Amino acid sequence: MASHTKSQTRTTTDHEEIRRWVEEHGGQPAIVRDTRDGGGGVLRIDFPGGAGQDRLEPVSWDEWFRVFDENDLAFLYQEQKADGEDSTFFKLVSRDSS
């Protein structure tokens, strides 16, 4: 079987796919404190031991996905690193650029 020589990424807007990937990696939905403007905010995923945990406010998935959809975001994530190891890399991108 050939080994992977590059990282594998996927982009999705599917709520269940996003939630499953995040929870498989021990993450929780969060919003950066003091960024709520009219009910929105800067979305993050809080992974155990991640940087800036004190700045993150845990939120429900319903709240996280409400902001996600209102801002027309897509979830780009890395399924594995180039060496085949598991990865927690992700970023939120505009749907029209995906």
N, C-alpha and C. Protein backbone atom coordinates (compact mmCIF):
# COMPACT_ATOMS: atom_id res chain seq x y z
N MET A 1 0.84 -1.18 0.00
CA MET A 1 0.00 0.00 0.00
C MET A 1 0.88 1.24 0.00
N ALA A 2 0.60 2.18 -0.86
CA ALA A 2 1.42 3.39 -0.96
C ALA A 2 1.20 4.29 0.25
N SER A 3 2.28 4.91 0.70
CA SER A 3 2.15 5.83 1.83
C SER A 3 1.78 7.22 1.31
N HIS A 4 1.07 7.95 2.15
CA HIS A 4 0.68 9.31 1.77
C HIS A 4 1.87 10.24 1.91
N THR A 5 2.09 11.07 0.92
CA THR A 5 3.20 12.01 0.99
C THR A 5 2.71 13.44 1.17
N LYS A 6 1.42 13.65 1.19
CA LYS A 6 0.91 14.99 1.44
C LYS A 6 -0.26 14.91 2.40
N SER A 7 -0.52 16.04 3.03
CA SER A 7 -1.63 16.06 3.97
C SER A 7 -2.95 16.01 3.20
N GLN A 8 -3.95 15.47 3.84
CA GLN A 8 -5.25 15.35 3.21
C GLN A 8 -6.22 16.30 3.92
N THR A 9 -6.81 17.22 3.17
CA THR A 9 -7.77 18.14 3.75
C THR A 9 -9.12 17.99 3.08
N ARG A 10 -10.13 18.34 3.82
CA ARG A 10 -11.50 18.35 3.31
C ARG A 10 -12.16 19.65 3.73
N THR A 11 -13.09 20.11 2.93
CA THR A 11 -13.88 21.29 3.28
C THR A 11 -15.34 20.87 3.27
N THR A 12 -16.07 21.24 4.34
CA THR A 12 -17.46 20.83 4.45
C THR A 12 -18.29 21.91 5.14
N THR A 13 -19.59 21.86 4.90
CA THR A 13 -20.54 22.68 5.65
C THR A 13 -21.50 21.78 6.42
N ASP A 14 -21.27 20.46 6.36
CA ASP A 14 -22.16 19.49 7.00
C ASP A 14 -21.96 19.49 8.52
N HIS A 15 -23.01 19.86 9.24
CA HIS A 15 -22.91 19.99 10.70
C HIS A 15 -22.49 18.69 11.38
N GLU A 16 -23.04 17.58 10.95
CA GLU A 16 -22.71 16.30 11.60
C GLU A 16 -21.27 15.90 11.34
N GLU A 17 -20.78 16.15 10.14
CA GLU A 17 -19.39 15.82 9.81
C GLU A 17 -18.43 16.67 10.67
N ILE A 18 -18.73 17.95 10.79
CA ILE A 18 -17.90 18.86 11.60
C ILE A 18 -17.92 18.43 13.06
N ARG A 19 -19.11 18.21 13.59
CA ARG A 19 -19.24 17.83 15.00
C ARG A 19 -18.51 16.52 15.29
N ARG A 20 -18.66 15.55 14.40
CA ARG A 20 -18.01 14.26 14.58
C ARG A 20 -16.49 14.42 14.60
N TRP A 21 -15.92 15.18 13.64
CA TRP A 21 -14.47 15.37 13.58
C TRP A 21 -13.96 16.06 14.84
N VAL A 22 -14.66 17.12 15.26
CA VAL A 22 -14.23 17.88 16.44
C VAL A 22 -14.26 16.99 17.69
N GLU A 23 -15.37 16.27 17.87
CA GLU A 23 -15.50 15.45 19.08
C GLU A 23 -14.54 14.27 19.08
N GLU A 24 -14.24 13.71 17.90
CA GLU A 24 -13.25 12.63 17.82
C GLU A 24 -11.86 13.10 18.26
N HIS A 25 -11.62 14.41 18.15
CA HIS A 25 -10.33 14.98 18.53
C HIS A 25 -10.39 15.67 19.89
N GLY A 26 -11.48 15.47 20.63
CA GLY A 26 -11.58 16.01 21.98
C GLY A 26 -11.90 17.49 22.05
N GLY A 27 -12.35 18.06 20.95
CA GLY A 27 -12.63 19.49 20.91
C GLY A 27 -14.05 19.83 21.35
N GLN A 28 -14.24 21.11 21.66
CA GLN A 28 -15.55 21.64 22.05
C GLN A 28 -15.79 22.94 21.32
N PRO A 29 -17.04 23.24 20.97
CA PRO A 29 -17.34 24.51 20.31
C PRO A 29 -17.15 25.68 21.27
N ALA A 30 -16.62 26.79 20.75
CA ALA A 30 -16.36 27.96 21.59
C ALA A 30 -16.42 29.23 20.75
N ILE A 31 -16.58 30.34 21.44
CA ILE A 31 -16.53 31.67 20.82
C ILE A 31 -15.51 32.48 21.61
N VAL A 32 -14.70 33.29 20.91
CA VAL A 32 -13.72 34.14 21.58
C VAL A 32 -14.46 35.18 22.42
N ARG A 33 -14.10 35.26 23.70
CA ARG A 33 -14.74 36.22 24.60
C ARG A 33 -14.59 37.64 24.05
N ASP A 34 -15.60 38.46 24.32
CA ASP A 34 -15.59 39.87 23.93
C ASP A 34 -15.63 40.09 22.42
N THR A 35 -16.07 39.09 21.65
CA THR A 35 -16.22 39.31 20.20
C THR A 35 -17.68 39.23 19.76
N ARG A 36 -18.57 39.05 20.73
CA ARG A 36 -19.98 38.95 20.36
C ARG A 36 -20.49 40.32 19.94
N ASP A 37 -20.95 40.39 18.71
CA ASP A 37 -21.51 41.64 18.20
C ASP A 37 -22.85 41.32 17.56
N GLY A 38 -23.91 41.65 18.25
CA GLY A 38 -25.23 41.34 17.73
C GLY A 38 -25.53 39.86 17.70
N GLY A 39 -24.98 39.11 18.65
CA GLY A 39 -25.28 37.69 18.75
C GLY A 39 -24.32 36.78 18.04
N GLY A 40 -23.37 37.34 17.30
CA GLY A 40 -22.38 36.52 16.61
C GLY A 40 -21.15 36.33 17.47
N GLY A 41 -20.00 36.38 16.83
CA GLY A 41 -18.75 36.24 17.55
C GLY A 41 -17.75 35.47 16.70
N VAL A 42 -16.50 35.46 17.17
CA VAL A 42 -15.43 34.76 16.46
C VAL A 42 -15.43 33.31 16.93
N LEU A 43 -15.71 32.41 16.00
CA LEU A 43 -15.80 30.98 16.32
C LEU A 43 -14.43 30.34 16.48
N ARG A 44 -14.35 29.42 17.43
CA ARG A 44 -13.15 28.63 17.63
C ARG A 44 -13.56 27.22 18.04
N ILE A 45 -12.61 26.31 17.97
CA ILE A 45 -12.77 24.98 18.57
C ILE A 45 -11.75 24.92 19.69
N ASP A 46 -12.19 24.56 20.88
CA ASP A 46 -11.32 24.48 22.04
C ASP A 46 -10.83 23.04 22.19
N PHE A 47 -9.55 22.82 21.87
CA PHE A 47 -8.95 21.51 22.03
C PHE A 47 -8.23 21.46 23.37
N PRO A 48 -8.20 20.31 24.04
CA PRO A 48 -7.50 20.19 25.31
C PRO A 48 -6.05 20.66 25.19
N GLY A 49 -5.64 21.53 26.10
CA GLY A 49 -4.27 22.02 26.09
C GLY A 49 -3.99 23.07 25.04
N GLY A 50 -5.04 23.54 24.37
CA GLY A 50 -4.86 24.55 23.33
C GLY A 50 -4.50 25.91 23.89
N ALA A 51 -3.91 26.75 23.07
CA ALA A 51 -3.53 28.09 23.49
C ALA A 51 -4.77 28.98 23.62
N GLY A 52 -4.72 29.90 24.55
CA GLY A 52 -5.78 30.90 24.68
C GLY A 52 -7.08 30.39 25.26
N GLN A 53 -7.04 29.29 26.01
CA GLN A 53 -8.28 28.75 26.57
C GLN A 53 -9.01 29.76 27.44
N ASP A 54 -8.25 30.63 28.13
CA ASP A 54 -8.88 31.61 29.00
C ASP A 54 -9.68 32.65 28.22
N ARG A 55 -9.42 32.77 26.92
CA ARG A 55 -10.14 33.73 26.10
C ARG A 55 -11.35 33.12 25.42
N LEU A 56 -11.55 31.81 25.59
CA LEU A 56 -12.64 31.13 24.90
C LEU A 56 -13.82 30.90 25.82
N GLU A 57 -15.00 31.15 25.28
CA GLU A 57 -16.25 30.92 26.00
C GLU A 57 -16.93 29.70 25.38
N PRO A 58 -17.11 28.63 26.16
CA PRO A 58 -17.80 27.45 25.62
C PRO A 58 -19.23 27.80 25.21
N VAL A 59 -19.68 27.26 24.09
CA VAL A 59 -21.05 27.47 23.63
C VAL A 59 -21.61 26.12 23.17
N SER A 60 -22.92 26.06 23.02
CA SER A 60 -23.56 24.84 22.52
C SER A 60 -23.28 24.70 21.03
N TRP A 61 -23.42 23.48 20.54
CA TRP A 61 -23.30 23.27 19.10
C TRP A 61 -24.35 24.08 18.35
N ASP A 62 -25.57 24.15 18.89
CA ASP A 62 -26.62 24.92 18.21
C ASP A 62 -26.20 26.37 18.02
N GLU A 63 -25.63 26.98 19.05
CA GLU A 63 -25.17 28.37 18.97
C GLU A 63 -24.01 28.49 17.99
N TRP A 64 -23.05 27.57 18.07
CA TRP A 64 -21.89 27.61 17.19
C TRP A 64 -22.31 27.51 15.72
N PHE A 65 -23.20 26.56 15.43
CA PHE A 65 -23.64 26.38 14.04
C PHE A 65 -24.53 27.53 13.57
N ARG A 66 -25.24 28.18 14.47
CA ARG A 66 -26.04 29.35 14.08
C ARG A 66 -25.12 30.44 13.55
N VAL A 67 -24.05 30.74 14.28
CA VAL A 67 -23.08 31.76 13.84
C VAL A 67 -22.37 31.29 12.57
N PHE A 68 -22.00 30.02 12.52
CA PHE A 68 -21.34 29.42 11.36
C PHE A 68 -22.17 29.64 10.09
N ASP A 69 -23.46 29.32 10.17
CA ASP A 69 -24.34 29.46 9.00
C ASP A 69 -24.64 30.91 8.67
N GLU A 70 -24.85 31.75 9.69
CA GLU A 70 -25.15 33.16 9.44
C GLU A 70 -24.00 33.86 8.72
N ASN A 71 -22.79 33.38 8.95
CA ASN A 71 -21.61 34.00 8.34
C ASN A 71 -21.15 33.28 7.08
N ASP A 72 -21.97 32.33 6.59
CA ASP A 72 -21.64 31.59 5.35
C ASP A 72 -20.24 31.01 5.39
N LEU A 73 -19.94 30.31 6.49
CA LEU A 73 -18.62 29.71 6.65
C LEU A 73 -18.61 28.25 6.21
N ALA A 74 -17.43 27.78 5.89
CA ALA A 74 -17.18 26.36 5.63
C ALA A 74 -16.03 25.94 6.55
N PHE A 75 -15.97 24.65 6.85
CA PHE A 75 -14.98 24.10 7.77
C PHE A 75 -13.96 23.31 6.98
N LEU A 76 -12.74 23.81 6.93
CA LEU A 76 -11.66 23.11 6.24
C LEU A 76 -10.84 22.42 7.32
N TYR A 77 -10.66 21.10 7.17
CA TYR A 77 -9.90 20.38 8.18
C TYR A 77 -8.96 19.38 7.54
N GLN A 78 -7.92 19.05 8.30
CA GLN A 78 -6.90 18.11 7.84
C GLN A 78 -7.21 16.74 8.43
N GLU A 79 -7.39 15.76 7.57
CA GLU A 79 -7.67 14.41 8.05
C GLU A 79 -6.44 13.77 8.65
N GLN A 80 -5.29 14.05 8.06
CA GLN A 80 -4.04 13.54 8.60
C GLN A 80 -2.89 14.39 8.11
N LYS A 81 -1.81 14.36 8.88
CA LYS A 81 -0.61 15.10 8.49
C LYS A 81 0.08 14.37 7.35
N ALA A 82 1.07 15.01 6.75
CA ALA A 82 1.79 14.42 5.62
C ALA A 82 2.43 13.09 5.99
N ASP A 83 2.81 12.93 7.26
CA ASP A 83 3.43 11.68 7.67
C ASP A 83 2.42 10.60 8.04
N GLY A 84 1.12 10.91 7.86
CA GLY A 84 0.08 9.93 8.13
C GLY A 84 -0.49 10.00 9.54
N GLU A 85 0.11 10.83 10.40
CA GLU A 85 -0.42 10.97 11.76
C GLU A 85 -1.71 11.75 11.76
N ASP A 86 -2.51 11.55 12.80
CA ASP A 86 -3.76 12.27 12.97
C ASP A 86 -3.46 13.75 13.15
N SER A 87 -4.40 14.59 12.76
CA SER A 87 -4.20 16.04 12.83
C SER A 87 -5.41 16.73 13.44
N THR A 88 -5.17 17.84 14.14
CA THR A 88 -6.27 18.67 14.63
C THR A 88 -6.27 20.02 13.92
N PHE A 89 -5.60 20.12 12.77
CA PHE A 89 -5.58 21.38 12.03
C PHE A 89 -6.93 21.62 11.36
N PHE A 90 -7.45 22.83 11.52
CA PHE A 90 -8.66 23.23 10.81
C PHE A 90 -8.64 24.74 10.64
N LYS A 91 -9.47 25.24 9.75
CA LYS A 91 -9.72 26.68 9.68
C LYS A 91 -11.10 26.89 9.11
N LEU A 92 -11.66 28.03 9.46
CA LEU A 92 -12.97 28.42 8.95
C LEU A 92 -12.73 29.33 7.75
N VAL A 93 -13.40 29.00 6.65
CA VAL A 93 -13.22 29.76 5.41
C VAL A 93 -14.59 30.19 4.89
N SER A 94 -14.57 31.17 4.03
CA SER A 94 -15.80 31.63 3.40
C SER A 94 -16.31 30.55 2.43
N ARG A 95 -17.61 30.31 2.43
CA ARG A 95 -18.15 29.28 1.54
C ARG A 95 -17.88 29.56 0.08
N ASP A 96 -17.85 30.84 -0.30
CA ASP A 96 -17.67 31.13 -1.73
C ASP A 96 -16.23 30.92 -2.19
N SER A 97 -15.29 30.70 -1.25
CA SER A 97 -13.91 30.46 -1.65
C SER A 97 -13.56 28.98 -1.59
N SER A 98 -14.53 28.15 -1.20
CA SER A 98 -14.21 26.73 -1.06
C SER A 98 -14.41 25.97 -2.34
